[in-house]
N, C-alpha and C. Protein backbone atom coordinates (compact mmCIF):
# COMPACT_ATOMS: atom_id res chain seq x y z
N UNK A 1 0.82 -1.20 0.00
CA UNK A 1 0.00 0.00 0.00
C UNK A 1 0.86 1.27 0.00
N UNK A 2 2.00 1.17 0.62
CA UNK A 2 2.86 2.35 0.73
C UNK A 2 3.31 2.88 -0.64
N UNK A 3 3.52 1.96 -1.59
CA UNK A 3 4.01 2.41 -2.90
C UNK A 3 3.00 3.26 -3.67
N UNK A 4 1.71 3.20 -3.28
CA UNK A 4 0.73 4.03 -3.99
C UNK A 4 0.32 5.27 -3.20
N UNK A 5 0.89 5.44 -2.00
CA UNK A 5 0.57 6.65 -1.24
C UNK A 5 1.81 7.47 -0.85
N UNK A 6 2.97 6.81 -0.78
CA UNK A 6 4.18 7.51 -0.37
C UNK A 6 4.65 8.45 -1.48
N UNK A 7 5.13 9.59 -1.09
CA UNK A 7 5.73 10.59 -1.99
C UNK A 7 4.75 11.22 -2.98
N UNK A 8 3.47 10.93 -2.86
CA UNK A 8 2.49 11.54 -3.75
C UNK A 8 2.23 12.97 -3.27
N UNK A 9 2.20 13.90 -4.20
CA UNK A 9 1.88 15.29 -3.89
C UNK A 9 0.35 15.40 -3.81
N UNK A 10 -0.17 15.20 -2.60
CA UNK A 10 -1.63 15.13 -2.43
C UNK A 10 -2.31 16.46 -2.72
N UNK A 11 -1.61 17.55 -2.50
CA UNK A 11 -2.19 18.86 -2.83
C UNK A 11 -2.41 18.95 -4.33
N UNK A 12 -1.41 18.53 -5.11
CA UNK A 12 -1.54 18.55 -6.58
C UNK A 12 -2.62 17.57 -7.04
N UNK A 13 -2.74 16.43 -6.38
CA UNK A 13 -3.78 15.46 -6.73
C UNK A 13 -5.15 16.08 -6.53
N UNK A 14 -5.38 16.67 -5.35
CA UNK A 14 -6.68 17.25 -5.04
C UNK A 14 -6.97 18.45 -5.95
N UNK A 15 -6.00 19.32 -6.14
CA UNK A 15 -6.20 20.49 -7.01
C UNK A 15 -6.49 20.03 -8.44
N UNK A 16 -5.72 19.09 -8.94
CA UNK A 16 -5.95 18.58 -10.30
C UNK A 16 -7.33 17.97 -10.45
N UNK A 17 -7.76 17.22 -9.44
CA UNK A 17 -9.08 16.59 -9.49
C UNK A 17 -10.19 17.64 -9.43
N UNK A 18 -10.06 18.61 -8.53
CA UNK A 18 -11.09 19.64 -8.38
C UNK A 18 -11.18 20.50 -9.64
N UNK A 19 -10.04 20.93 -10.17
CA UNK A 19 -10.05 21.76 -11.38
C UNK A 19 -10.63 20.97 -12.56
N UNK A 20 -10.25 19.70 -12.68
CA UNK A 20 -10.77 18.87 -13.78
C UNK A 20 -12.27 18.66 -13.65
N UNK A 21 -12.73 18.39 -12.43
CA UNK A 21 -14.17 18.19 -12.23
C UNK A 21 -14.93 19.48 -12.51
N UNK A 22 -14.39 20.61 -12.05
CA UNK A 22 -15.03 21.90 -12.31
C UNK A 22 -15.08 22.18 -13.81
N UNK A 23 -14.01 21.86 -14.53
CA UNK A 23 -14.03 22.03 -15.98
C UNK A 23 -15.12 21.18 -16.61
N UNK A 24 -15.36 20.01 -16.04
CA UNK A 24 -16.42 19.14 -16.55
C UNK A 24 -17.78 19.82 -16.52
N UNK A 25 -18.04 20.62 -15.48
CA UNK A 25 -19.31 21.36 -15.41
C UNK A 25 -19.44 22.27 -16.62
N UNK A 26 -18.35 22.94 -16.96
CA UNK A 26 -18.38 23.84 -18.12
C UNK A 26 -18.37 23.04 -19.43
N UNK A 27 -17.53 22.04 -19.52
CA UNK A 27 -17.37 21.22 -20.73
C UNK A 27 -18.70 20.63 -21.19
N UNK A 28 -19.47 20.11 -20.22
CA UNK A 28 -20.74 19.45 -20.54
C UNK A 28 -21.95 20.37 -20.36
N UNK A 29 -21.69 21.66 -20.23
CA UNK A 29 -22.78 22.64 -20.10
C UNK A 29 -23.22 23.10 -21.49
N UNK A 30 -24.37 23.77 -21.56
CA UNK A 30 -24.81 24.32 -22.85
C UNK A 30 -23.84 25.36 -23.42
N UNK A 31 -22.99 25.94 -22.56
CA UNK A 31 -22.04 26.95 -23.03
C UNK A 31 -20.94 26.34 -23.90
N UNK A 32 -20.69 25.05 -23.71
CA UNK A 32 -19.66 24.40 -24.53
C UNK A 32 -20.28 23.27 -25.35
N UNK A 33 -20.20 22.05 -24.88
CA UNK A 33 -20.59 20.90 -25.70
C UNK A 33 -21.85 20.18 -25.21
N UNK A 34 -22.45 20.65 -24.12
CA UNK A 34 -23.50 19.93 -23.42
C UNK A 34 -24.72 19.53 -24.23
N UNK A 35 -25.33 20.47 -24.91
CA UNK A 35 -26.57 20.16 -25.62
C UNK A 35 -26.36 19.13 -26.72
N UNK A 36 -25.37 19.35 -27.55
CA UNK A 36 -25.13 18.42 -28.66
C UNK A 36 -24.62 17.07 -28.13
N UNK A 37 -23.85 17.09 -27.02
CA UNK A 37 -23.38 15.84 -26.41
C UNK A 37 -24.57 15.05 -25.87
N UNK A 38 -25.49 15.71 -25.16
CA UNK A 38 -26.68 15.02 -24.64
C UNK A 38 -27.48 14.39 -25.77
N UNK A 39 -27.65 15.14 -26.85
CA UNK A 39 -28.36 14.60 -28.01
C UNK A 39 -27.62 13.37 -28.56
N UNK A 40 -26.29 13.44 -28.57
CA UNK A 40 -25.48 12.35 -29.10
C UNK A 40 -25.49 11.10 -28.25
N UNK A 41 -25.88 11.24 -26.97
CA UNK A 41 -25.98 10.04 -26.12
C UNK A 41 -27.43 9.63 -25.91
N UNK A 42 -28.34 10.40 -26.50
CA UNK A 42 -29.76 10.03 -26.46
C UNK A 42 -30.51 10.50 -25.24
N UNK A 43 -30.06 11.60 -24.64
CA UNK A 43 -30.74 12.16 -23.47
C UNK A 43 -31.13 13.59 -23.78
N UNK A 44 -32.34 13.98 -23.39
CA UNK A 44 -32.74 15.38 -23.57
C UNK A 44 -32.20 16.21 -22.42
N UNK A 45 -32.07 17.50 -22.64
CA UNK A 45 -31.55 18.39 -21.61
C UNK A 45 -32.47 18.44 -20.40
N UNK A 46 -33.77 18.20 -20.60
CA UNK A 46 -34.72 18.22 -19.49
C UNK A 46 -34.71 16.93 -18.68
N UNK A 47 -34.18 15.85 -19.23
CA UNK A 47 -34.21 14.54 -18.57
C UNK A 47 -32.86 14.21 -17.94
N UNK A 48 -32.49 14.99 -16.92
CA UNK A 48 -31.22 14.76 -16.25
C UNK A 48 -31.42 14.37 -14.79
N UNK A 49 -32.59 13.85 -14.46
CA UNK A 49 -32.88 13.51 -13.07
C UNK A 49 -32.02 12.36 -12.56
N UNK A 50 -31.55 11.50 -13.42
CA UNK A 50 -30.77 10.35 -13.00
C UNK A 50 -29.26 10.59 -13.07
N UNK A 51 -28.84 11.83 -13.11
CA UNK A 51 -27.43 12.15 -13.26
C UNK A 51 -26.63 12.05 -11.97
N UNK A 52 -27.28 12.04 -10.80
CA UNK A 52 -26.54 12.04 -9.54
C UNK A 52 -25.60 10.83 -9.39
N UNK A 53 -26.05 9.60 -9.65
CA UNK A 53 -25.09 8.48 -9.56
C UNK A 53 -23.90 8.64 -10.51
N UNK A 54 -24.16 9.16 -11.70
CA UNK A 54 -23.08 9.39 -12.67
C UNK A 54 -22.12 10.46 -12.16
N UNK A 55 -22.66 11.51 -11.55
CA UNK A 55 -21.81 12.59 -11.03
C UNK A 55 -20.92 12.09 -9.89
N UNK A 56 -21.49 11.29 -9.01
CA UNK A 56 -20.70 10.74 -7.90
C UNK A 56 -19.60 9.83 -8.44
N UNK A 57 -19.96 9.01 -9.41
CA UNK A 57 -18.97 8.13 -10.03
C UNK A 57 -17.89 8.94 -10.72
N UNK A 58 -18.27 10.04 -11.37
CA UNK A 58 -17.30 10.92 -12.03
C UNK A 58 -16.35 11.54 -11.02
N UNK A 59 -16.86 11.97 -9.88
CA UNK A 59 -16.00 12.55 -8.84
C UNK A 59 -14.96 11.53 -8.39
N UNK A 60 -15.42 10.31 -8.12
CA UNK A 60 -14.50 9.25 -7.67
C UNK A 60 -13.48 8.94 -8.77
N UNK A 61 -13.95 8.77 -10.01
CA UNK A 61 -13.04 8.47 -11.11
C UNK A 61 -12.03 9.58 -11.37
N UNK A 62 -12.47 10.82 -11.26
CA UNK A 62 -11.57 11.95 -11.47
C UNK A 62 -10.49 11.97 -10.40
N UNK A 63 -10.88 11.72 -9.16
CA UNK A 63 -9.88 11.66 -8.08
C UNK A 63 -8.89 10.51 -8.32
N UNK A 64 -9.40 9.34 -8.69
CA UNK A 64 -8.52 8.19 -8.93
C UNK A 64 -7.56 8.48 -10.09
N UNK A 65 -8.07 9.11 -11.14
CA UNK A 65 -7.22 9.47 -12.28
C UNK A 65 -6.13 10.45 -11.83
N UNK A 66 -6.51 11.44 -11.04
CA UNK A 66 -5.53 12.41 -10.53
C UNK A 66 -4.49 11.71 -9.65
N UNK A 67 -4.92 10.72 -8.90
CA UNK A 67 -4.01 9.96 -8.04
C UNK A 67 -3.01 9.17 -8.90
N UNK A 68 -3.50 8.53 -9.95
CA UNK A 68 -2.61 7.78 -10.84
C UNK A 68 -1.61 8.72 -11.49
N UNK A 69 -2.07 9.87 -11.94
CA UNK A 69 -1.15 10.86 -12.51
C UNK A 69 -0.14 11.28 -11.44
N UNK A 70 -0.61 11.43 -10.20
CA UNK A 70 0.29 11.76 -9.10
C UNK A 70 1.35 10.69 -8.87
N UNK A 71 0.95 9.44 -9.02
CA UNK A 71 1.92 8.34 -8.88
C UNK A 71 2.98 8.40 -9.97
N UNK A 72 2.56 8.71 -11.19
CA UNK A 72 3.55 8.80 -12.27
C UNK A 72 4.49 9.98 -12.04
N UNK A 73 3.98 11.01 -11.39
CA UNK A 73 4.82 12.19 -11.11
C UNK A 73 5.91 11.87 -10.09
N UNK A 74 5.66 10.91 -9.18
CA UNK A 74 6.66 10.57 -8.16
C UNK A 74 7.90 9.93 -8.77
N UNK A 75 7.75 9.36 -9.96
CA UNK A 75 8.88 8.70 -10.61
C UNK A 75 9.26 9.37 -11.93
N UNK A 76 8.74 10.57 -12.14
CA UNK A 76 9.00 11.31 -13.38
C UNK A 76 8.68 10.46 -14.61
N UNK A 77 7.52 9.83 -14.58
CA UNK A 77 7.10 8.92 -15.65
C UNK A 77 6.03 9.56 -16.53
N UNK A 78 6.38 10.65 -17.18
CA UNK A 78 5.44 11.35 -18.03
C UNK A 78 4.90 10.46 -19.14
N UNK A 79 5.76 9.67 -19.74
CA UNK A 79 5.30 8.79 -20.83
C UNK A 79 4.29 7.75 -20.32
N UNK A 80 4.47 7.30 -19.08
CA UNK A 80 3.49 6.39 -18.49
C UNK A 80 2.15 7.09 -18.31
N UNK A 81 2.18 8.34 -17.86
CA UNK A 81 0.94 9.12 -17.70
C UNK A 81 0.25 9.28 -19.05
N UNK A 82 1.01 9.54 -20.09
CA UNK A 82 0.45 9.69 -21.44
C UNK A 82 -0.14 8.37 -21.90
N UNK A 83 0.55 7.26 -21.67
CA UNK A 83 0.04 5.95 -22.05
C UNK A 83 -1.25 5.61 -21.32
N UNK A 84 -1.31 5.91 -20.04
CA UNK A 84 -2.53 5.68 -19.26
C UNK A 84 -3.67 6.51 -19.83
N UNK A 85 -3.40 7.77 -20.14
CA UNK A 85 -4.42 8.66 -20.70
C UNK A 85 -4.92 8.13 -22.04
N UNK A 86 -4.02 7.73 -22.89
CA UNK A 86 -4.43 7.19 -24.20
C UNK A 86 -5.23 5.91 -24.05
N UNK A 87 -4.86 5.08 -23.08
CA UNK A 87 -5.61 3.85 -22.83
C UNK A 87 -7.04 4.16 -22.41
N UNK A 88 -7.20 5.10 -21.48
CA UNK A 88 -8.54 5.48 -21.04
C UNK A 88 -9.33 6.07 -22.21
N UNK A 89 -8.69 6.93 -22.99
CA UNK A 89 -9.36 7.56 -24.12
C UNK A 89 -9.84 6.52 -25.14
N UNK A 90 -9.00 5.55 -25.45
CA UNK A 90 -9.39 4.52 -26.42
C UNK A 90 -10.53 3.66 -25.87
N UNK A 91 -10.47 3.32 -24.59
CA UNK A 91 -11.56 2.53 -23.99
C UNK A 91 -12.87 3.31 -23.97
N UNK A 92 -12.80 4.61 -23.72
CA UNK A 92 -14.02 5.43 -23.76
C UNK A 92 -14.56 5.48 -25.19
N UNK A 93 -13.68 5.60 -26.15
CA UNK A 93 -14.13 5.59 -27.55
C UNK A 93 -14.79 4.25 -27.89
N UNK A 94 -14.17 3.16 -27.48
CA UNK A 94 -14.75 1.84 -27.75
C UNK A 94 -16.12 1.70 -27.09
N UNK A 95 -16.23 2.16 -25.85
CA UNK A 95 -17.52 2.09 -25.15
C UNK A 95 -18.57 2.91 -25.89
N UNK A 96 -18.17 4.09 -26.37
CA UNK A 96 -19.10 4.93 -27.12
C UNK A 96 -19.53 4.28 -28.42
N UNK A 97 -18.61 3.62 -29.09
CA UNK A 97 -18.95 2.92 -30.33
C UNK A 97 -19.89 1.74 -30.06
N UNK A 98 -19.60 0.98 -29.00
CA UNK A 98 -20.48 -0.14 -28.65
C UNK A 98 -21.88 0.32 -28.29
N UNK A 99 -21.97 1.46 -27.58
CA UNK A 99 -23.29 1.95 -27.16
C UNK A 99 -23.94 2.84 -28.21
N UNK A 100 -23.30 2.96 -29.37
CA UNK A 100 -23.84 3.68 -30.53
C UNK A 100 -24.09 5.17 -30.26
N UNK A 101 -23.17 5.76 -29.49
CA UNK A 101 -23.22 7.21 -29.30
C UNK A 101 -22.81 7.87 -30.61
N UNK A 102 -23.18 9.13 -30.76
CA UNK A 102 -22.78 9.86 -31.96
C UNK A 102 -21.26 10.07 -31.93
N UNK A 103 -20.69 10.27 -33.12
CA UNK A 103 -19.25 10.52 -33.19
C UNK A 103 -18.91 11.81 -32.45
N UNK A 104 -19.81 12.77 -32.49
CA UNK A 104 -19.59 14.02 -31.76
C UNK A 104 -19.49 13.76 -30.26
N UNK A 105 -20.42 12.99 -29.72
CA UNK A 105 -20.43 12.69 -28.28
C UNK A 105 -19.15 11.95 -27.89
N UNK A 106 -18.72 11.04 -28.72
CA UNK A 106 -17.49 10.30 -28.43
C UNK A 106 -16.29 11.24 -28.41
N UNK A 107 -16.23 12.14 -29.38
CA UNK A 107 -15.12 13.10 -29.42
C UNK A 107 -15.12 14.01 -28.20
N UNK A 108 -16.30 14.42 -27.75
CA UNK A 108 -16.40 15.26 -26.55
C UNK A 108 -15.86 14.50 -25.34
N UNK A 109 -16.25 13.26 -25.19
CA UNK A 109 -15.82 12.46 -24.04
C UNK A 109 -14.33 12.15 -24.08
N UNK A 110 -13.82 11.77 -25.23
CA UNK A 110 -12.39 11.49 -25.37
C UNK A 110 -11.58 12.77 -25.16
N UNK A 111 -12.05 13.86 -25.74
CA UNK A 111 -11.36 15.14 -25.57
C UNK A 111 -11.29 15.57 -24.12
N UNK A 112 -12.35 15.32 -23.38
CA UNK A 112 -12.36 15.70 -21.97
C UNK A 112 -11.32 14.90 -21.19
N UNK A 113 -11.17 13.63 -21.45
CA UNK A 113 -10.16 12.82 -20.77
C UNK A 113 -8.77 13.38 -21.04
N UNK A 114 -8.51 13.73 -22.28
CA UNK A 114 -7.19 14.25 -22.64
C UNK A 114 -6.94 15.60 -21.96
N UNK A 115 -7.95 16.46 -21.94
CA UNK A 115 -7.80 17.76 -21.27
C UNK A 115 -7.62 17.57 -19.76
N UNK A 116 -8.36 16.62 -19.18
CA UNK A 116 -8.18 16.34 -17.75
C UNK A 116 -6.73 15.94 -17.46
N UNK A 117 -6.18 15.07 -18.29
CA UNK A 117 -4.80 14.63 -18.08
C UNK A 117 -3.83 15.79 -18.18
N UNK A 118 -4.04 16.65 -19.14
CA UNK A 118 -3.17 17.83 -19.30
C UNK A 118 -3.23 18.69 -18.05
N UNK A 119 -4.44 18.91 -17.54
CA UNK A 119 -4.60 19.71 -16.32
C UNK A 119 -3.87 19.05 -15.16
N UNK A 120 -4.06 17.76 -15.00
CA UNK A 120 -3.46 17.04 -13.87
C UNK A 120 -1.94 17.02 -13.97
N UNK A 121 -1.42 16.78 -15.16
CA UNK A 121 0.04 16.77 -15.35
C UNK A 121 0.61 18.17 -15.09
N UNK A 122 -0.07 19.19 -15.61
CA UNK A 122 0.38 20.57 -15.40
C UNK A 122 0.32 20.94 -13.92
N UNK A 123 -0.70 20.48 -13.23
CA UNK A 123 -0.81 20.78 -11.80
C UNK A 123 0.39 20.23 -11.05
N UNK A 124 0.82 19.02 -11.39
CA UNK A 124 1.99 18.44 -10.74
C UNK A 124 3.26 19.17 -11.12
N UNK A 125 3.32 19.72 -12.30
CA UNK A 125 4.49 20.47 -12.72
C UNK A 125 4.60 21.80 -11.98
N UNK A 126 3.45 22.37 -11.61
CA UNK A 126 3.42 23.69 -10.98
C UNK A 126 3.46 23.63 -9.46
N UNK A 127 2.73 22.67 -8.89
CA UNK A 127 2.62 22.63 -7.41
C UNK A 127 3.66 21.68 -6.84
């Protein structure tokens, strides 16, 4: 257990997770990609009552992703962080293709993962 908690910059992990999650609010809002993304996944903007479990899961996943990026930062493994990000992005794309989401929705979701990683990596570089 020590190898996944020792030497991690927890401030950078939390800041990266919070900033990434906050960006998600904007990313998936009507101001950016929200309306067309919702259409691409087959949900209307008025039918978001079941989003709470997804939001909680997103918070947990964002924190875990930030933690993994934090682990790669402890060993200066930028290429590993990039490989992890690409793996997640490809799996999200595959999931979107299997669930027959629109290509636009898939691009929005994959793009968000890549931007999250950039934010998290940059946070570790700065803090």
